[in-house]
Amino acid sequence: MSESLRFLPLIGRILIALIFVMSGFGKIQGFQESVAYAASKSLPLPAIGVAIAIAIEFVGGLLLIAGYKTRWVAAAIALFCVVAAVFFHNDFKDTNEWINFMKNLAIAGGLLQIVYFGAGPMSVDNRK
């Protein structure tokens, strides 16, 4: 690979992880509101579900940026995206819900690319 392209996987990881870090941080700041929203979607044990979501989004997003255990983290976040799409964006009569459903699937697809190709050269996984 060209030396000038070695930063692309890092930039890609940052761009894809940013939505999760920000969303997880939002859930930390508004924990009770997040629990209430999860409860409104009939999620069992909503406080535990939100805590798990925070771990996957915030911590997983930071790990993805760093490129640490990247394949495992990307796989976990991809699964999270599909589960979130099915349980939280399933009202296809609402155009915004349909868009969010498809967005989650697209992000999961991008994450599966990371699962396959790995973190790239600028990562903790590939430090020399």
N, C-alpha and C. Protein backbone atom coordinates (compact mmCIF):
# COMPACT_ATOMS: atom_id res chain seq x y z
N MET A 1 0.85 -1.17 0.00
CA MET A 1 0.00 0.00 0.00
C MET A 1 0.89 1.24 0.00
N SER A 2 0.44 2.24 -0.68
CA SER A 2 1.19 3.50 -0.74
C SER A 2 1.31 4.10 0.66
N GLU A 3 2.49 4.66 0.93
CA GLU A 3 2.75 5.27 2.24
C GLU A 3 1.73 6.36 2.55
N SER A 4 1.29 7.08 1.56
CA SER A 4 0.34 8.18 1.79
C SER A 4 -1.06 7.68 2.15
N LEU A 5 -1.35 6.44 1.89
CA LEU A 5 -2.68 5.88 2.17
C LEU A 5 -2.76 5.19 3.54
N ARG A 6 -1.65 5.10 4.24
CA ARG A 6 -1.64 4.33 5.49
C ARG A 6 -2.54 4.92 6.57
N PHE A 7 -2.90 6.19 6.45
CA PHE A 7 -3.77 6.82 7.44
C PHE A 7 -5.25 6.56 7.17
N LEU A 8 -5.60 6.07 5.99
CA LEU A 8 -7.01 5.90 5.65
C LEU A 8 -7.77 4.96 6.59
N PRO A 9 -7.22 3.81 6.97
CA PRO A 9 -7.97 2.98 7.92
C PRO A 9 -8.21 3.67 9.26
N LEU A 10 -7.24 4.44 9.74
CA LEU A 10 -7.41 5.19 10.98
C LEU A 10 -8.52 6.22 10.82
N ILE A 11 -8.48 6.97 9.74
CA ILE A 11 -9.54 7.96 9.51
C ILE A 11 -10.89 7.28 9.41
N GLY A 12 -10.95 6.17 8.72
CA GLY A 12 -12.20 5.40 8.62
C GLY A 12 -12.71 4.93 9.97
N ARG A 13 -11.81 4.43 10.80
CA ARG A 13 -12.21 3.99 12.14
C ARG A 13 -12.73 5.15 12.96
N ILE A 14 -12.06 6.30 12.87
CA ILE A 14 -12.51 7.47 13.63
C ILE A 14 -13.90 7.89 13.16
N LEU A 15 -14.09 7.96 11.85
CA LEU A 15 -15.39 8.42 11.32
C LEU A 15 -16.52 7.47 11.68
N ILE A 16 -16.28 6.18 11.62
CA ILE A 16 -17.35 5.23 11.94
C ILE A 16 -17.58 5.13 13.45
N ALA A 17 -16.53 5.34 14.24
CA ALA A 17 -16.66 5.23 15.70
C ALA A 17 -17.26 6.48 16.33
N LEU A 18 -17.12 7.61 15.68
CA LEU A 18 -17.55 8.87 16.25
C LEU A 18 -19.03 8.85 16.65
N ILE A 19 -19.88 8.28 15.83
CA ILE A 19 -21.31 8.23 16.14
C ILE A 19 -21.57 7.42 17.41
N PHE A 20 -20.77 6.39 17.63
CA PHE A 20 -20.98 5.54 18.81
C PHE A 20 -20.45 6.21 20.07
N VAL A 21 -19.29 6.84 19.98
CA VAL A 21 -18.73 7.54 21.14
C VAL A 21 -19.69 8.64 21.58
N MET A 22 -20.18 9.42 20.62
CA MET A 22 -21.08 10.52 20.96
C MET A 22 -22.41 10.01 21.51
N SER A 23 -22.94 8.95 20.92
CA SER A 23 -24.20 8.39 21.39
C SER A 23 -24.04 7.78 22.79
N GLY A 24 -22.95 7.06 23.00
CA GLY A 24 -22.70 6.49 24.33
C GLY A 24 -22.53 7.57 25.38
N PHE A 25 -21.82 8.63 25.04
CA PHE A 25 -21.65 9.75 25.97
C PHE A 25 -22.99 10.40 26.28
N GLY A 26 -23.84 10.53 25.27
CA GLY A 26 -25.18 11.07 25.49
C GLY A 26 -25.99 10.21 26.44
N LYS A 27 -25.84 8.90 26.32
CA LYS A 27 -26.55 7.99 27.23
C LYS A 27 -26.01 8.10 28.65
N ILE A 28 -24.71 8.34 28.79
CA ILE A 28 -24.13 8.53 30.12
C ILE A 28 -24.70 9.79 30.74
N GLN A 29 -24.72 10.87 29.97
CA GLN A 29 -25.23 12.15 30.49
C GLN A 29 -26.72 12.10 30.78
N GLY A 30 -27.47 11.40 29.97
CA GLY A 30 -28.91 11.33 30.15
C GLY A 30 -29.37 9.92 30.43
N PHE A 31 -28.73 9.30 31.43
CA PHE A 31 -28.98 7.88 31.70
C PHE A 31 -30.47 7.61 31.95
N GLN A 32 -31.09 8.38 32.83
CA GLN A 32 -32.50 8.12 33.16
C GLN A 32 -33.42 8.29 31.95
N GLU A 33 -33.14 9.28 31.12
CA GLU A 33 -33.93 9.48 29.91
C GLU A 33 -33.75 8.32 28.94
N SER A 34 -32.53 7.83 28.85
CA SER A 34 -32.25 6.68 27.99
C SER A 34 -32.96 5.43 28.48
N VAL A 35 -32.98 5.25 29.80
CA VAL A 35 -33.69 4.10 30.39
C VAL A 35 -35.18 4.22 30.10
N ALA A 36 -35.73 5.42 30.25
CA ALA A 36 -37.16 5.62 29.98
C ALA A 36 -37.48 5.32 28.52
N TYR A 37 -36.61 5.75 27.61
CA TYR A 37 -36.82 5.48 26.19
C TYR A 37 -36.77 3.98 25.91
N ALA A 38 -35.79 3.29 26.49
CA ALA A 38 -35.68 1.83 26.31
C ALA A 38 -36.91 1.14 26.87
N ALA A 39 -37.40 1.61 28.01
CA ALA A 39 -38.61 1.02 28.60
C ALA A 39 -39.82 1.24 27.70
N SER A 40 -39.87 2.41 27.04
CA SER A 40 -41.00 2.70 26.15
C SER A 40 -41.02 1.78 24.93
N LYS A 41 -39.88 1.19 24.62
CA LYS A 41 -39.78 0.23 23.51
C LYS A 41 -39.93 -1.21 24.00
N SER A 42 -40.35 -1.37 25.27
CA SER A 42 -40.59 -2.68 25.89
C SER A 42 -39.33 -3.51 26.03
N LEU A 43 -38.19 -2.85 26.15
CA LEU A 43 -36.94 -3.58 26.37
C LEU A 43 -36.94 -4.11 27.80
N PRO A 44 -36.75 -5.43 27.99
CA PRO A 44 -36.69 -5.95 29.35
C PRO A 44 -35.43 -5.45 30.06
N LEU A 45 -35.56 -5.16 31.34
CA LEU A 45 -34.44 -4.65 32.15
C LEU A 45 -33.76 -3.47 31.45
N PRO A 46 -34.51 -2.39 31.23
CA PRO A 46 -33.97 -1.28 30.43
C PRO A 46 -32.70 -0.65 30.99
N ALA A 47 -32.56 -0.56 32.31
CA ALA A 47 -31.33 0.04 32.87
C ALA A 47 -30.11 -0.80 32.52
N ILE A 48 -30.25 -2.11 32.59
CA ILE A 48 -29.14 -3.00 32.21
C ILE A 48 -28.87 -2.89 30.72
N GLY A 49 -29.93 -2.82 29.94
CA GLY A 49 -29.77 -2.67 28.49
C GLY A 49 -29.04 -1.39 28.13
N VAL A 50 -29.38 -0.30 28.79
CA VAL A 50 -28.71 0.98 28.53
C VAL A 50 -27.25 0.91 28.97
N ALA A 51 -26.98 0.28 30.10
CA ALA A 51 -25.59 0.12 30.56
C ALA A 51 -24.78 -0.68 29.55
N ILE A 52 -25.37 -1.72 29.00
CA ILE A 52 -24.69 -2.51 27.97
C ILE A 52 -24.47 -1.67 26.72
N ALA A 53 -25.49 -0.89 26.34
CA ALA A 53 -25.36 -0.02 25.17
C ALA A 53 -24.23 0.99 25.37
N ILE A 54 -24.13 1.54 26.57
CA ILE A 54 -23.05 2.49 26.87
C ILE A 54 -21.69 1.80 26.71
N ALA A 55 -21.57 0.60 27.24
CA ALA A 55 -20.30 -0.12 27.13
C ALA A 55 -19.94 -0.38 25.67
N ILE A 56 -20.92 -0.81 24.90
CA ILE A 56 -20.65 -1.12 23.49
C ILE A 56 -20.35 0.16 22.72
N GLU A 57 -21.19 1.18 22.91
CA GLU A 57 -21.04 2.40 22.11
C GLU A 57 -19.83 3.22 22.54
N PHE A 58 -19.79 3.61 23.80
CA PHE A 58 -18.75 4.52 24.26
C PHE A 58 -17.40 3.82 24.34
N VAL A 59 -17.34 2.75 25.11
CA VAL A 59 -16.06 2.04 25.27
C VAL A 59 -15.65 1.38 23.96
N GLY A 60 -16.59 0.71 23.31
CA GLY A 60 -16.28 0.08 22.04
C GLY A 60 -15.83 1.08 20.99
N GLY A 61 -16.49 2.24 20.95
CA GLY A 61 -16.10 3.28 20.01
C GLY A 61 -14.67 3.76 20.24
N LEU A 62 -14.32 3.96 21.50
CA LEU A 62 -12.95 4.40 21.82
C LEU A 62 -11.93 3.32 21.45
N LEU A 63 -12.27 2.07 21.71
CA LEU A 63 -11.37 0.97 21.35
C LEU A 63 -11.22 0.87 19.83
N LEU A 64 -12.30 1.11 19.12
CA LEU A 64 -12.25 1.09 17.65
C LEU A 64 -11.33 2.19 17.12
N ILE A 65 -11.45 3.38 17.70
CA ILE A 65 -10.56 4.48 17.29
C ILE A 65 -9.10 4.11 17.54
N ALA A 66 -8.82 3.55 18.71
CA ALA A 66 -7.45 3.16 19.04
C ALA A 66 -6.96 1.99 18.20
N GLY A 67 -7.89 1.21 17.70
CA GLY A 67 -7.50 0.03 16.94
C GLY A 67 -7.05 -1.10 17.85
N TYR A 68 -7.71 -1.24 18.99
CA TYR A 68 -7.37 -2.30 19.95
C TYR A 68 -8.45 -3.38 19.91
N LYS A 69 -8.03 -4.61 19.69
CA LYS A 69 -8.97 -5.74 19.54
C LYS A 69 -10.03 -5.37 18.50
N THR A 70 -9.57 -4.78 17.43
CA THR A 70 -10.44 -4.12 16.46
C THR A 70 -11.46 -5.06 15.84
N ARG A 71 -11.05 -6.24 15.46
CA ARG A 71 -12.00 -7.16 14.81
C ARG A 71 -13.13 -7.55 15.77
N TRP A 72 -12.80 -7.85 17.01
CA TRP A 72 -13.81 -8.23 17.99
C TRP A 72 -14.74 -7.07 18.31
N VAL A 73 -14.16 -5.89 18.48
CA VAL A 73 -14.95 -4.70 18.80
C VAL A 73 -15.88 -4.36 17.64
N ALA A 74 -15.36 -4.39 16.42
CA ALA A 74 -16.18 -4.09 15.25
C ALA A 74 -17.32 -5.09 15.11
N ALA A 75 -17.05 -6.36 15.40
CA ALA A 75 -18.10 -7.38 15.33
C ALA A 75 -19.18 -7.12 16.38
N ALA A 76 -18.78 -6.77 17.59
CA ALA A 76 -19.75 -6.49 18.66
C ALA A 76 -20.61 -5.28 18.31
N ILE A 77 -19.98 -4.23 17.78
CA ILE A 77 -20.74 -3.03 17.44
C ILE A 77 -21.66 -3.31 16.24
N ALA A 78 -21.20 -4.11 15.29
CA ALA A 78 -22.05 -4.48 14.15
C ALA A 78 -23.30 -5.22 14.62
N LEU A 79 -23.11 -6.18 15.52
CA LEU A 79 -24.26 -6.90 16.08
C LEU A 79 -25.19 -5.94 16.83
N PHE A 80 -24.61 -5.03 17.59
CA PHE A 80 -25.39 -4.01 18.30
C PHE A 80 -26.23 -3.20 17.31
N CYS A 81 -25.64 -2.81 16.19
CA CYS A 81 -26.36 -2.03 15.18
C CYS A 81 -27.57 -2.78 14.64
N VAL A 82 -27.40 -4.06 14.36
CA VAL A 82 -28.51 -4.85 13.83
C VAL A 82 -29.60 -5.00 14.88
N VAL A 83 -29.21 -5.29 16.12
CA VAL A 83 -30.19 -5.43 17.21
C VAL A 83 -30.93 -4.11 17.42
N ALA A 84 -30.20 -2.99 17.43
CA ALA A 84 -30.83 -1.68 17.61
C ALA A 84 -31.79 -1.38 16.47
N ALA A 85 -31.41 -1.73 15.25
CA ALA A 85 -32.29 -1.51 14.10
C ALA A 85 -33.60 -2.27 14.27
N VAL A 86 -33.50 -3.54 14.65
CA VAL A 86 -34.69 -4.39 14.76
C VAL A 86 -35.61 -3.95 15.90
N PHE A 87 -35.03 -3.60 17.05
CA PHE A 87 -35.85 -3.29 18.22
C PHE A 87 -36.25 -1.82 18.35
N PHE A 88 -35.47 -0.90 17.79
CA PHE A 88 -35.72 0.52 18.00
C PHE A 88 -36.14 1.27 16.74
N HIS A 89 -35.95 0.69 15.58
CA HIS A 89 -36.28 1.39 14.33
C HIS A 89 -37.12 0.49 13.43
N ASN A 90 -38.18 -0.06 13.98
CA ASN A 90 -38.97 -1.05 13.25
C ASN A 90 -40.34 -0.54 12.79
N ASP A 91 -40.61 0.75 12.93
CA ASP A 91 -41.88 1.32 12.46
C ASP A 91 -41.65 1.85 11.04
N PHE A 92 -41.81 0.96 10.07
CA PHE A 92 -41.46 1.32 8.70
C PHE A 92 -42.47 2.25 8.04
N LYS A 93 -43.59 2.53 8.72
CA LYS A 93 -44.52 3.54 8.21
C LYS A 93 -43.94 4.94 8.41
N ASP A 94 -43.04 5.08 9.35
CA ASP A 94 -42.36 6.35 9.63
C ASP A 94 -41.07 6.40 8.80
N THR A 95 -40.99 7.35 7.89
CA THR A 95 -39.83 7.45 7.00
C THR A 95 -38.53 7.57 7.78
N ASN A 96 -38.52 8.34 8.86
CA ASN A 96 -37.29 8.50 9.65
C ASN A 96 -36.86 7.18 10.29
N GLU A 97 -37.83 6.38 10.73
CA GLU A 97 -37.48 5.08 11.30
C GLU A 97 -36.89 4.16 10.24
N TRP A 98 -37.46 4.21 9.04
CA TRP A 98 -36.93 3.40 7.93
C TRP A 98 -35.49 3.83 7.61
N ILE A 99 -35.25 5.14 7.55
CA ILE A 99 -33.91 5.65 7.28
C ILE A 99 -32.94 5.21 8.37
N ASN A 100 -33.35 5.32 9.64
CA ASN A 100 -32.48 4.89 10.74
C ASN A 100 -32.23 3.39 10.72
N PHE A 101 -33.25 2.61 10.34
CA PHE A 101 -33.08 1.17 10.21
C PHE A 101 -32.00 0.87 9.17
N MET A 102 -32.13 1.50 7.99
CA MET A 102 -31.17 1.27 6.92
C MET A 102 -29.78 1.81 7.28
N LYS A 103 -29.72 2.95 7.99
CA LYS A 103 -28.44 3.52 8.44
C LYS A 103 -27.73 2.51 9.34
N ASN A 104 -28.47 1.92 10.27
CA ASN A 104 -27.86 0.94 11.17
C ASN A 104 -27.31 -0.26 10.39
N LEU A 105 -28.06 -0.72 9.40
CA LEU A 105 -27.59 -1.85 8.60
C LEU A 105 -26.35 -1.45 7.79
N ALA A 106 -26.33 -0.23 7.26
CA ALA A 106 -25.17 0.23 6.49
C ALA A 106 -23.93 0.33 7.39
N ILE A 107 -24.10 0.86 8.59
CA ILE A 107 -22.98 0.95 9.53
C ILE A 107 -22.49 -0.45 9.89
N ALA A 108 -23.42 -1.37 10.10
CA ALA A 108 -23.03 -2.76 10.40
C ALA A 108 -22.21 -3.32 9.24
N GLY A 109 -22.61 -3.01 8.01
CA GLY A 109 -21.84 -3.47 6.85
C GLY A 109 -20.43 -2.90 6.83
N GLY A 110 -20.29 -1.62 7.15
CA GLY A 110 -18.96 -1.01 7.22
C GLY A 110 -18.11 -1.64 8.31
N LEU A 111 -18.75 -1.93 9.43
CA LEU A 111 -18.02 -2.57 10.53
C LEU A 111 -17.57 -3.98 10.16
N LEU A 112 -18.39 -4.69 9.39
CA LEU A 112 -17.99 -6.03 8.95
C LEU A 112 -16.78 -5.96 8.01
N GLN A 113 -16.62 -4.86 7.29
CA GLN A 113 -15.41 -4.66 6.49
C GLN A 113 -14.19 -4.57 7.42
N ILE A 114 -14.36 -3.89 8.54
CA ILE A 114 -13.26 -3.79 9.51
C ILE A 114 -12.98 -5.16 10.12
N VAL A 115 -14.04 -5.93 10.39
CA VAL A 115 -13.85 -7.29 10.92
C VAL A 115 -12.98 -8.09 9.94
N TYR A 116 -13.26 -7.98 8.67
CA TYR A 116 -12.52 -8.76 7.68
C TYR A 116 -11.10 -8.24 7.45
N PHE A 117 -10.99 -6.93 7.24
CA PHE A 117 -9.69 -6.36 6.85
C PHE A 117 -8.81 -5.95 8.03
N GLY A 118 -9.38 -5.81 9.20
CA GLY A 118 -8.60 -5.44 10.37
C GLY A 118 -8.45 -3.94 10.52
N ALA A 119 -7.61 -3.55 11.46
CA ALA A 119 -7.50 -2.15 11.88
C ALA A 119 -6.63 -1.31 10.96
N GLY A 120 -5.74 -1.92 10.23
CA GLY A 120 -4.81 -1.15 9.41
C GLY A 120 -3.53 -0.85 10.19
N PRO A 121 -2.59 -0.20 9.51
CA PRO A 121 -1.26 -0.02 10.10
C PRO A 121 -1.20 0.94 11.29
N MET A 122 -2.07 1.93 11.36
CA MET A 122 -2.02 2.91 12.44
C MET A 122 -2.99 2.48 13.54
N SER A 123 -2.61 1.46 14.30
CA SER A 123 -3.49 0.91 15.33
C SER A 123 -2.67 0.22 16.41
N VAL A 124 -3.30 0.07 17.55
CA VAL A 124 -2.66 -0.67 18.63
C VAL A 124 -2.46 -2.13 18.20
N ASP A 125 -3.44 -2.67 17.48
CA ASP A 125 -3.33 -4.06 17.03
C ASP A 125 -2.09 -4.30 16.16
N ASN A 126 -1.68 -3.30 15.41
CA ASN A 126 -0.56 -3.47 14.47
C ASN A 126 0.67 -2.64 14.86
N ARG A 127 0.82 -2.35 16.13
CA ARG A 127 2.00 -1.59 16.57
C ARG A 127 3.24 -2.45 16.37
N LYS A 128 4.33 -1.78 16.13
CA LYS A 128 5.57 -2.52 15.86
C LYS A 128 6.61 -2.21 16.89
